[in-house]
């Protein structure tokens, strides 16, 4: 499953998550998602890093990994905003 609840409101997402939880019991499932609610349904969580699959435990667990991703997103956003601002400033000169 690839982001099975990506475009849903929270009520629909909860319904789908609960349904998925019932359907996957005793089955092997490959799910691609960044949503913690869906990740919590999984017994094992792997991260694709540099073309290799690594256990999320290698990053200190799910919460630690998601925190690192949030910091990375913020860093990238700040860099992009700085670059965008500098580009606009150069155009006005």
Foldseek 3Di string as FASTA:
>chain_A
DEPPCVPHDPVVVVVVLVVVLVVCVPHDDDYHDLDPSNVVSDPWDWDQDPNDTDTCVVQVDSVSVVVVVVVVVVVVVVVVVVVVVVVVVVVVD
